[in-house]
Amino acid sequence: MTDRAVSLLPGVATSRPLRVVPGLLVIAAVCFNAGLAVVNGTVTSLGPAVVIAAEMALVLAAHVVALANYRPQMLPWYLLGAALLAVACWRSMALQEFDPKYFRDVLIIPTFVVLGMTFDRRSLNKVVLTLHAVVMTALVFEILATDAYSAVFKIKEYYINTRGYDAESFWNKNSDLFVNAVRPDTRLFSFLDLHRVSSIFLEPVSLGSYCIVIIAYVCARYEDLSRSQILFLVGGTLLAMLGSDSRLAAMSSVLIVVIAVLARLLPRYSALIYLPGVLAVAFLYVTLGGVQAGSDDFPGRIAHTVHLLSRFSVDEYLGISADPILLSESVDSGIGYLVLTQSLFGVALIWGAIVLTSADRTAEQIRYVHATCVYLSLTMIVSFAFLSIKTASLLWFVYGVLQMPLANPGPGSPRRVETTGSLQRRVAAAS
């Protein structure tokens, strides 16, 4: 079986101009909210339907591209999507209602994985560097000209119009920035005389998540990045990390660097233990340390997740709970939100697909899946922001791109752990 694309849509060719489409789609997925905010603030008021329609259009376009360039490696991800749809149907039948948002939350994962599988890995750096340049430009603009940034994006107005926020939720009445853009004294980098920056993500939590994705990317692909590219990516990310004041980004980045160094020494599928391992440590930390939920800091968020999961009954773990209080409280607990909306079975399916279907032919594949699992394991304890298309699209697109081999080693060949650069040199030499 070859790695050549199999077109399922007649008349759709993989010509050179069309090869850039997957990259453009992921850039659009990261940036479209910022674009809509500009339209909302300067042209006409928008409603939730416009945001939903834009996201649906991106998801549909991604699947059109993927099916037009179908590869056998996509099958497990389409099966995952079908299984998650079955979970959504099970939940809707049990509760006698269907909320498409919960299915959309997890559909983002297989959507951008299969989109990534259509893209040429040799062009991946160009996409990431282009996107990083956009993020850094908006970041510097926000820092140096905050009033102008606020006037362009009018973030408060955008979230009130499109997300159902109440004006009273924004406690800083003199600012048009997001509700949590204020930098309190208890933050990690509270010594900075600057609000928590957001760049094109409009809110600082997603900018923190973006920082983690870029650190994971650099750790996975540093052999294929020049020194100037690494400096640009890492330097800009550190600036964004300081600006967004993301505790999660700082902690996750350190652990990802450590895991990246050790990844090639770890057993196959060892990333499976990260999520249950982090949960076990969280329960021990909260139980033995007597940590109480309620404070808006890292220990408080961990305790919140532990206490939330401890209150779950069988219905919650089966994903058929209609308790609005638990659902509302789960916004600060990614694993709690996933269990409530996807069931424990659905969570196991997603986690198993991420780890068990991942290739380990190259060092970058191994490092990236470990980095991804570290990021997800930590962020699931404190937030469900990892489900946002603004950052999830890039995370899973890179995952999908790296899954595709550069050359077919043939059946029965030994497992090789190589970098993209060494694979390219080997293929060139063979030619």
Protein backbone atom coordinates (compact mmCIF):
# COMPACT_ATOMS: atom_id res chain seq x y z
CA MET A 1 0.00 0.00 0.00
CA THR A 2 1.51 3.33 -1.01
CA ASP A 3 1.26 6.74 0.58
CA ARG A 4 -0.15 8.31 -2.56
CA ALA A 5 -3.37 10.28 -2.06
CA VAL A 6 -6.56 8.58 -3.25
CA SER A 7 -9.05 11.13 -4.55
CA LEU A 8 -12.63 10.40 -3.56
CA LEU A 9 -14.04 13.53 -5.16
CA PRO A 10 -14.07 13.49 -8.97
CA GLY A 11 -12.41 16.41 -10.65
CA VAL A 12 -10.40 17.45 -7.59
CA ALA A 13 -6.70 17.44 -8.42
CA THR A 14 -3.76 17.83 -6.11
CA SER A 15 -2.14 20.50 -8.27
CA ARG A 16 0.62 22.70 -6.87
CA PRO A 17 -1.68 25.71 -6.13
CA LEU A 18 -4.03 23.45 -4.13
CA ARG A 19 -1.20 22.11 -1.96
CA VAL A 20 -1.20 25.31 0.08
CA VAL A 21 -4.91 25.02 0.95
CA PRO A 22 -4.49 22.90 4.14
CA GLY A 23 -1.96 25.39 5.50
CA LEU A 24 -4.22 28.33 4.69
CA LEU A 25 -7.14 26.59 6.41
CA VAL A 26 -5.26 26.09 9.67
CA ILE A 27 -4.08 29.72 9.62
CA ALA A 28 -7.69 30.78 9.05
CA ALA A 29 -8.85 28.58 11.93
CA VAL A 30 -6.40 30.29 14.28
CA CYS A 31 -7.15 33.82 13.07
CA PHE A 32 -10.81 33.93 12.06
CA ASN A 33 -12.10 35.08 15.47
CA ALA A 34 -9.78 38.07 15.34
CA GLY A 35 -11.07 38.88 11.86
CA LEU A 36 -14.68 38.63 12.98
CA ALA A 37 -13.91 40.87 15.96
CA VAL A 38 -12.62 43.56 13.57
CA VAL A 39 -15.77 43.26 11.46
CA ASN A 40 -17.95 43.40 14.58
CA GLY A 41 -16.14 46.46 15.89
CA THR A 42 -15.74 48.47 12.70
CA VAL A 43 -18.32 47.32 10.14
CA THR A 44 -21.44 45.75 11.64
CA SER A 45 -22.53 43.95 14.77
CA LEU A 46 -22.32 40.17 14.56
CA GLY A 47 -24.19 37.45 16.40
CA PRO A 48 -23.34 33.92 17.55
CA ALA A 49 -24.68 32.45 14.29
CA VAL A 50 -21.91 34.09 12.26
CA VAL A 51 -19.18 32.62 14.47
CA ILE A 52 -20.79 29.17 14.35
CA ALA A 53 -21.19 29.38 10.56
CA ALA A 54 -17.54 30.41 10.11
CA GLU A 55 -16.31 27.52 12.23
CA MET A 56 -18.60 25.04 10.44
CA ALA A 57 -17.31 26.28 7.09
CA LEU A 58 -13.70 25.70 8.20
CA VAL A 59 -14.48 22.20 9.45
CA LEU A 60 -16.39 21.32 6.27
CA ALA A 61 -13.59 22.67 4.07
CA ALA A 62 -11.05 20.64 6.03
CA HIS A 63 -12.98 17.43 5.40
CA VAL A 64 -13.47 18.23 1.72
CA VAL A 65 -9.71 18.61 1.36
CA ALA A 66 -9.05 15.47 3.41
CA LEU A 67 -11.49 13.29 1.46
CA ALA A 68 -10.21 14.67 -1.83
CA ASN A 69 -6.75 13.47 -0.79
CA TYR A 70 -7.72 10.41 1.21
CA ARG A 71 -4.98 8.26 2.73
CA PRO A 72 -5.36 4.97 4.61
CA GLN A 73 -3.83 6.58 7.72
CA MET A 74 -6.98 8.71 8.01
CA LEU A 75 -9.27 5.73 8.63
CA PRO A 76 -8.75 5.48 12.43
CA TRP A 77 -9.55 9.16 12.80
CA TYR A 78 -12.74 8.93 10.81
CA LEU A 79 -13.68 5.90 12.92
CA LEU A 80 -12.99 8.00 16.02
CA GLY A 81 -15.27 10.71 14.66
CA ALA A 82 -18.00 8.12 14.05
CA ALA A 83 -17.58 6.72 17.57
CA LEU A 84 -17.81 10.19 19.11
CA LEU A 85 -20.95 10.85 17.06
CA ALA A 86 -22.39 7.64 18.50
CA VAL A 87 -21.56 8.90 22.00
CA ALA A 88 -23.33 12.18 21.18
CA CYS A 89 -26.40 10.26 19.98
CA TRP A 90 -26.33 8.09 23.12
CA ARG A 91 -26.24 11.22 25.28
CA SER A 92 -29.01 12.95 23.31
CA MET A 93 -31.31 9.91 23.56
CA ALA A 94 -30.71 9.58 27.29
CA LEU A 95 -31.34 13.29 27.94
CA GLN A 96 -33.94 13.81 25.20
CA GLU A 97 -31.97 16.74 23.80
CA PHE A 98 -29.07 17.26 21.44
CA ASP A 99 -26.48 20.00 21.85
CA PRO A 100 -24.21 20.03 18.77
CA LYS A 101 -21.60 22.05 20.66
CA TYR A 102 -20.45 19.01 22.62
CA PHE A 103 -19.86 17.00 19.45
CA ARG A 104 -18.17 19.99 17.81
CA ASP A 105 -15.77 20.25 20.78
CA VAL A 106 -14.22 16.87 20.03
CA LEU A 107 -14.76 16.84 16.26
CA ILE A 108 -11.99 19.45 16.05
CA ILE A 109 -9.45 16.72 16.89
CA PRO A 110 -9.95 14.26 14.00
CA THR A 111 -10.81 17.13 11.62
CA PHE A 112 -7.42 18.81 11.81
CA VAL A 113 -5.50 15.55 12.15
CA VAL A 114 -6.81 14.35 8.77
CA LEU A 115 -6.29 17.81 7.27
CA GLY A 116 -2.68 17.67 8.38
CA MET A 117 -2.28 14.29 6.71
CA THR A 118 -2.84 15.96 3.33
CA PHE A 119 -0.02 18.47 3.77
CA ASP A 120 3.61 18.25 2.69
CA ARG A 121 5.79 18.06 5.81
CA ARG A 122 8.55 19.99 4.03
CA SER A 123 6.30 23.06 3.98
CA LEU A 124 5.20 22.80 7.60
CA ASN A 125 7.83 25.21 8.92
CA LYS A 126 6.55 27.89 6.53
CA VAL A 127 3.03 27.59 7.92
CA VAL A 128 4.13 27.72 11.55
CA LEU A 129 6.56 30.59 10.98
CA THR A 130 3.95 32.59 9.04
CA LEU A 131 1.39 32.09 11.77
CA HIS A 132 3.94 32.96 14.44
CA ALA A 133 4.76 36.20 12.60
CA VAL A 134 1.07 37.13 12.63
CA VAL A 135 0.76 36.35 16.35
CA MET A 136 3.92 38.31 17.20
CA THR A 137 2.87 41.32 15.11
CA ALA A 138 -0.48 41.52 16.91
CA LEU A 139 1.27 40.94 20.25
CA VAL A 140 3.73 43.82 19.78
CA PHE A 141 0.89 46.02 18.51
CA GLU A 142 -1.12 45.24 21.67
CA ILE A 143 1.82 45.95 23.99
CA LEU A 144 2.97 49.17 22.35
CA ALA A 145 -0.44 50.59 21.40
CA THR A 146 -3.00 49.05 23.73
CA ASP A 147 -5.64 51.71 23.10
CA ALA A 148 -5.35 51.27 19.33
CA TYR A 149 -5.48 47.47 19.72
CA SER A 150 -8.65 47.81 21.81
CA ALA A 151 -10.19 50.13 19.24
CA VAL A 152 -9.48 47.71 16.37
CA PHE A 153 -10.75 44.51 18.00
CA LYS A 154 -13.25 45.83 20.61
CA ILE A 155 -12.97 42.52 22.40
CA LYS A 156 -15.54 43.24 25.11
CA GLU A 157 -18.19 44.14 22.54
CA TYR A 158 -17.33 41.09 20.41
CA TYR A 159 -17.75 38.63 23.29
CA ILE A 160 -20.95 40.27 24.48
CA ASN A 161 -22.44 40.08 20.97
CA THR A 162 -21.23 36.61 19.97
CA ARG A 163 -20.75 34.64 23.20
CA GLY A 164 -23.62 35.81 25.37
CA TYR A 165 -21.40 37.54 27.93
CA ASP A 166 -23.02 40.14 30.17
CA ALA A 167 -21.47 43.59 30.40
CA GLU A 168 -21.34 43.15 34.18
CA SER A 169 -18.96 40.21 33.72
CA PHE A 170 -16.25 42.67 32.68
CA TRP A 171 -15.22 44.15 36.00
CA ASN A 172 -12.82 46.68 34.46
CA LYS A 173 -15.32 49.16 33.04
CA ASN A 174 -12.55 51.32 31.58
CA SER A 175 -11.14 48.61 29.35
CA ASP A 176 -12.33 46.98 26.13
CA LEU A 177 -10.06 43.98 26.72
CA PHE A 178 -11.19 40.50 27.75
CA VAL A 179 -12.59 39.88 31.22
CA ASN A 180 -9.42 38.21 32.59
CA ALA A 181 -6.93 40.58 30.97
CA VAL A 182 -6.30 42.29 34.32
CA ARG A 183 -3.01 41.12 35.87
CA PRO A 184 -3.64 40.66 39.64
CA ASP A 185 -0.83 40.58 42.20
CA THR A 186 -1.16 36.81 42.61
CA ARG A 187 -0.18 36.04 39.00
CA LEU A 188 3.12 34.35 38.16
CA PHE A 189 4.59 37.40 36.45
CA SER A 190 2.78 40.05 38.51
CA PHE A 191 5.93 42.21 38.57
CA LEU A 192 5.18 43.32 34.99
CA ASP A 193 3.35 46.63 34.68
CA LEU A 194 1.20 45.34 31.84
CA HIS A 195 -2.20 43.79 31.35
CA ARG A 196 -2.37 40.11 30.34
CA VAL A 197 -1.94 40.23 26.58
CA SER A 198 -3.96 38.22 24.07
CA SER A 199 -2.67 38.97 20.55
CA ILE A 200 -4.94 37.59 17.81
CA PHE A 201 -6.54 35.15 20.28
CA LEU A 202 -8.43 38.00 21.99
CA GLU A 203 -8.04 36.43 25.43
CA PRO A 204 -4.87 35.44 27.31
CA VAL A 205 -5.68 31.78 28.07
CA SER A 206 -5.57 30.82 24.39
CA LEU A 207 -2.35 32.74 23.90
CA GLY A 208 -0.86 30.65 26.73
CA SER A 209 -2.05 27.46 25.02
CA TYR A 210 -0.51 28.65 21.75
CA CYS A 211 2.83 29.10 23.54
CA ILE A 212 2.76 25.46 24.63
CA VAL A 213 2.02 24.26 21.09
CA ILE A 214 4.97 26.24 19.71
CA ILE A 215 7.33 24.88 22.39
CA ALA A 216 6.13 21.36 21.55
CA TYR A 217 6.75 22.07 17.86
CA VAL A 218 10.28 23.36 18.42
CA CYS A 219 11.15 20.41 20.69
CA ALA A 220 9.83 17.96 18.10
CA ARG A 221 11.40 19.50 14.99
CA TYR A 222 14.50 21.38 16.13
CA GLU A 223 16.75 19.42 13.73
CA ASP A 224 14.76 20.82 10.82
CA LEU A 225 14.74 24.41 12.04
CA SER A 226 17.58 26.87 11.50
CA ARG A 227 19.06 28.74 14.45
CA SER A 228 17.34 31.95 13.40
CA GLN A 229 13.99 30.14 13.13
CA ILE A 230 14.41 28.60 16.58
CA LEU A 231 15.35 32.00 18.01
CA PHE A 232 12.29 33.59 16.42
CA LEU A 233 9.91 30.88 17.62
CA VAL A 234 11.31 30.49 21.14
CA GLY A 235 12.04 34.18 21.69
CA GLY A 236 8.58 35.23 20.57
CA THR A 237 6.98 32.47 22.63
CA LEU A 238 8.80 33.55 25.79
CA LEU A 239 7.61 37.11 25.20
CA ALA A 240 4.04 35.86 24.70
CA MET A 241 4.32 33.67 27.81
CA LEU A 242 5.40 36.63 29.92
CA GLY A 243 2.71 38.81 28.38
CA SER A 244 -0.14 36.33 28.84
CA ASP A 245 1.09 35.45 32.36
CA SER A 246 0.20 31.80 31.81
CA ARG A 247 1.22 29.57 34.72
CA LEU A 248 0.13 26.53 32.75
CA ALA A 249 2.26 27.52 29.75
CA ALA A 250 5.36 28.02 31.91
CA MET A 251 4.98 24.69 33.74
CA SER A 252 4.02 22.70 30.65
CA SER A 253 6.88 24.11 28.58
CA VAL A 254 9.49 23.06 31.14
CA LEU A 255 8.07 19.54 31.33
CA ILE A 256 7.80 19.26 27.53
CA VAL A 257 11.48 20.15 27.14
CA VAL A 258 12.41 17.47 29.69
CA ILE A 259 10.18 14.85 28.07
CA ALA A 260 11.49 15.73 24.60
CA VAL A 261 15.00 14.89 25.76
CA LEU A 262 13.89 11.56 27.21
CA ALA A 263 11.19 10.60 24.68
CA ARG A 264 13.32 8.31 22.51
CA LEU A 265 14.29 6.31 25.61
CA LEU A 266 10.71 5.73 26.73
CA PRO A 267 8.77 2.57 25.84
CA ARG A 268 6.30 2.58 22.97
CA TYR A 269 2.86 3.86 24.05
CA SER A 270 4.23 5.05 27.39
CA ALA A 271 2.42 8.36 26.84
CA LEU A 272 -0.77 6.49 27.76
CA ILE A 273 0.08 6.86 31.44
CA TYR A 274 0.39 10.67 31.42
CA LEU A 275 -3.29 11.52 31.93
CA PRO A 276 -4.08 8.85 34.56
CA GLY A 277 -0.73 9.57 36.17
CA VAL A 278 -1.39 13.32 36.44
CA LEU A 279 -4.87 12.63 37.83
CA ALA A 280 -3.45 10.24 40.42
CA VAL A 281 -0.87 12.82 41.51
CA ALA A 282 -3.59 15.49 41.67
CA PHE A 283 -5.77 13.33 43.95
CA LEU A 284 -2.83 12.54 46.23
CA TYR A 285 -1.75 16.20 46.33
CA VAL A 286 -5.22 17.45 47.25
CA THR A 287 -6.05 14.63 49.67
CA LEU A 288 -2.77 14.47 51.56
CA GLY A 289 -2.07 18.19 51.37
CA GLY A 290 -5.53 19.29 52.41
CA VAL A 291 -5.72 21.72 49.49
CA GLN A 292 -9.06 23.49 49.20
CA ALA A 293 -10.86 24.50 46.04
CA GLY A 294 -12.00 28.04 45.44
CA SER A 295 -8.86 30.09 44.94
CA ASP A 296 -8.04 31.15 41.38
CA ASP A 297 -4.53 29.75 41.38
CA PHE A 298 -2.96 26.48 40.28
CA PRO A 299 -3.50 24.58 43.59
CA GLY A 300 -7.06 25.87 43.75
CA ARG A 301 -7.80 24.74 40.19
CA ILE A 302 -6.33 21.28 40.88
CA ALA A 303 -8.43 20.96 44.02
CA HIS A 304 -11.50 22.05 42.06
CA THR A 305 -11.00 19.24 39.54
CA VAL A 306 -10.46 16.63 42.28
CA HIS A 307 -13.55 17.74 44.20
CA LEU A 308 -15.61 17.89 41.00
CA LEU A 309 -14.69 14.36 39.90
CA SER A 310 -15.32 13.10 43.43
CA ARG A 311 -18.91 14.36 43.19
CA PHE A 312 -19.63 12.53 39.94
CA SER A 313 -22.10 9.66 40.04
CA VAL A 314 -22.53 6.84 37.53
CA ASP A 315 -24.63 9.10 35.29
CA GLU A 316 -21.84 11.67 35.05
CA TYR A 317 -19.26 9.04 34.13
CA LEU A 318 -21.65 7.61 31.53
CA GLY A 319 -22.08 11.07 30.02
CA ILE A 320 -25.83 11.19 30.60
CA SER A 321 -26.04 13.72 33.40
CA ALA A 322 -28.27 16.76 33.01
CA ASP A 323 -26.97 18.53 36.12
CA PRO A 324 -26.48 22.17 35.02
CA ILE A 325 -24.45 23.03 38.13
CA LEU A 326 -21.83 20.37 37.46
CA LEU A 327 -21.63 21.39 33.81
CA SER A 328 -21.18 25.03 34.75
CA GLU A 329 -18.45 24.18 37.27
CA SER A 330 -16.61 22.01 34.73
CA VAL A 331 -15.41 25.00 32.68
CA ASP A 332 -12.40 25.14 35.01
CA SER A 333 -11.79 21.40 34.68
CA GLY A 334 -11.11 20.04 31.21
CA ILE A 335 -11.26 16.40 32.25
CA GLY A 336 -14.50 17.02 34.15
CA TYR A 337 -16.03 18.72 31.11
CA LEU A 338 -14.94 15.93 28.79
CA VAL A 339 -16.35 13.21 31.03
CA LEU A 340 -19.65 15.03 31.44
CA THR A 341 -20.10 15.66 27.71
CA GLN A 342 -18.36 12.62 26.17
CA SER A 343 -18.55 9.98 28.94
CA LEU A 344 -15.58 8.15 30.40
CA PHE A 345 -15.72 5.83 27.39
CA GLY A 346 -15.43 8.78 25.00
CA VAL A 347 -12.45 10.18 26.90
CA ALA A 348 -10.75 6.78 26.73
CA LEU A 349 -11.40 6.63 22.96
CA ILE A 350 -9.85 10.05 22.38
CA TRP A 351 -6.82 9.39 24.56
CA GLY A 352 -6.29 5.95 23.06
CA ALA A 353 -6.47 7.31 19.50
CA ILE A 354 -3.91 10.02 20.24
CA VAL A 355 -1.37 7.57 21.64
CA LEU A 356 -2.08 4.20 20.04
CA THR A 357 -2.44 5.40 16.44
CA SER A 358 0.66 7.61 16.57
CA ALA A 359 3.57 6.57 14.39
CA ASP A 360 7.06 6.22 15.89
CA ARG A 361 9.21 5.99 12.77
CA THR A 362 10.95 9.30 13.39
CA ALA A 363 12.26 11.13 16.43
CA GLU A 364 9.99 14.10 15.72
CA GLN A 365 6.90 11.89 15.70
CA ILE A 366 7.86 10.41 19.06
CA ARG A 367 8.70 13.75 20.65
CA TYR A 368 5.57 15.48 19.40
CA VAL A 369 3.11 12.87 20.66
CA HIS A 370 4.77 12.90 24.08
CA ALA A 371 4.69 16.70 24.14
CA THR A 372 1.04 16.71 23.10
CA CYS A 373 0.09 14.28 25.84
CA VAL A 374 2.00 16.26 28.47
CA TYR A 375 0.17 19.43 27.41
CA LEU A 376 -3.26 17.78 27.41
CA SER A 377 -2.71 16.00 30.73
CA LEU A 378 -1.82 19.24 32.51
CA THR A 379 -4.36 21.53 30.88
CA MET A 380 -7.22 19.07 31.45
CA ILE A 381 -6.72 19.56 35.18
CA VAL A 382 -7.34 23.32 35.11
CA SER A 383 -9.27 24.28 31.96
CA PHE A 384 -11.15 23.13 28.87
CA ALA A 385 -9.42 25.74 26.69
CA PHE A 386 -7.61 22.95 24.79
CA LEU A 387 -10.87 22.42 22.88
CA SER A 388 -10.82 25.91 21.35
CA ILE A 389 -10.35 25.82 17.58
CA LYS A 390 -8.01 28.84 17.89
CA THR A 391 -5.26 26.64 19.30
CA ALA A 392 -6.52 23.08 18.84
CA SER A 393 -6.46 23.46 15.05
CA LEU A 394 -2.70 24.08 15.00
CA LEU A 395 -1.96 21.39 17.60
CA TRP A 396 -3.77 18.65 15.69
CA PHE A 397 -2.76 19.86 12.23
CA VAL A 398 0.92 19.48 13.17
CA TYR A 399 0.13 16.09 14.71
CA GLY A 400 -1.45 14.95 11.44
CA VAL A 401 1.37 16.28 9.25
CA LEU A 402 4.00 14.48 11.30
CA GLN A 403 2.12 11.18 11.14
CA MET A 404 2.71 10.84 7.42
CA PRO A 405 5.96 9.13 6.36
CA LEU A 406 8.34 10.81 3.92
CA ALA A 407 9.20 7.47 2.39
CA ASN A 408 7.72 4.00 2.51
CA PRO A 409 10.28 1.69 4.18
CA GLY A 410 8.41 -1.37 2.97
CA PRO A 411 6.91 -4.33 4.83
CA GLY A 412 9.12 -6.05 7.35
CA SER A 413 11.56 -3.17 7.61
CA PRO A 414 12.99 -2.50 11.06
CA ARG A 415 11.74 0.43 13.09
CA ARG A 416 13.85 3.52 12.39
CA VAL A 417 14.03 6.58 14.61
CA GLU A 418 15.20 9.37 12.35
CA THR A 419 14.67 13.04 11.81
CA THR A 420 12.98 14.50 8.75
CA GLY A 421 16.34 15.81 7.56
CA SER A 422 18.03 12.40 7.75
CA LEU A 423 15.08 10.78 5.99
CA GLN A 424 15.26 13.33 3.18
CA ARG A 425 19.01 12.73 2.78
CA ARG A 426 18.46 8.96 2.72
CA VAL A 427 15.74 9.25 0.05
CA ALA A 428 17.94 11.59 -2.02
CA ALA A 429 20.85 9.22 -1.81
CA ALA A 430 18.68 6.30 -2.91
CA SER A 431 17.52 8.30 -5.90
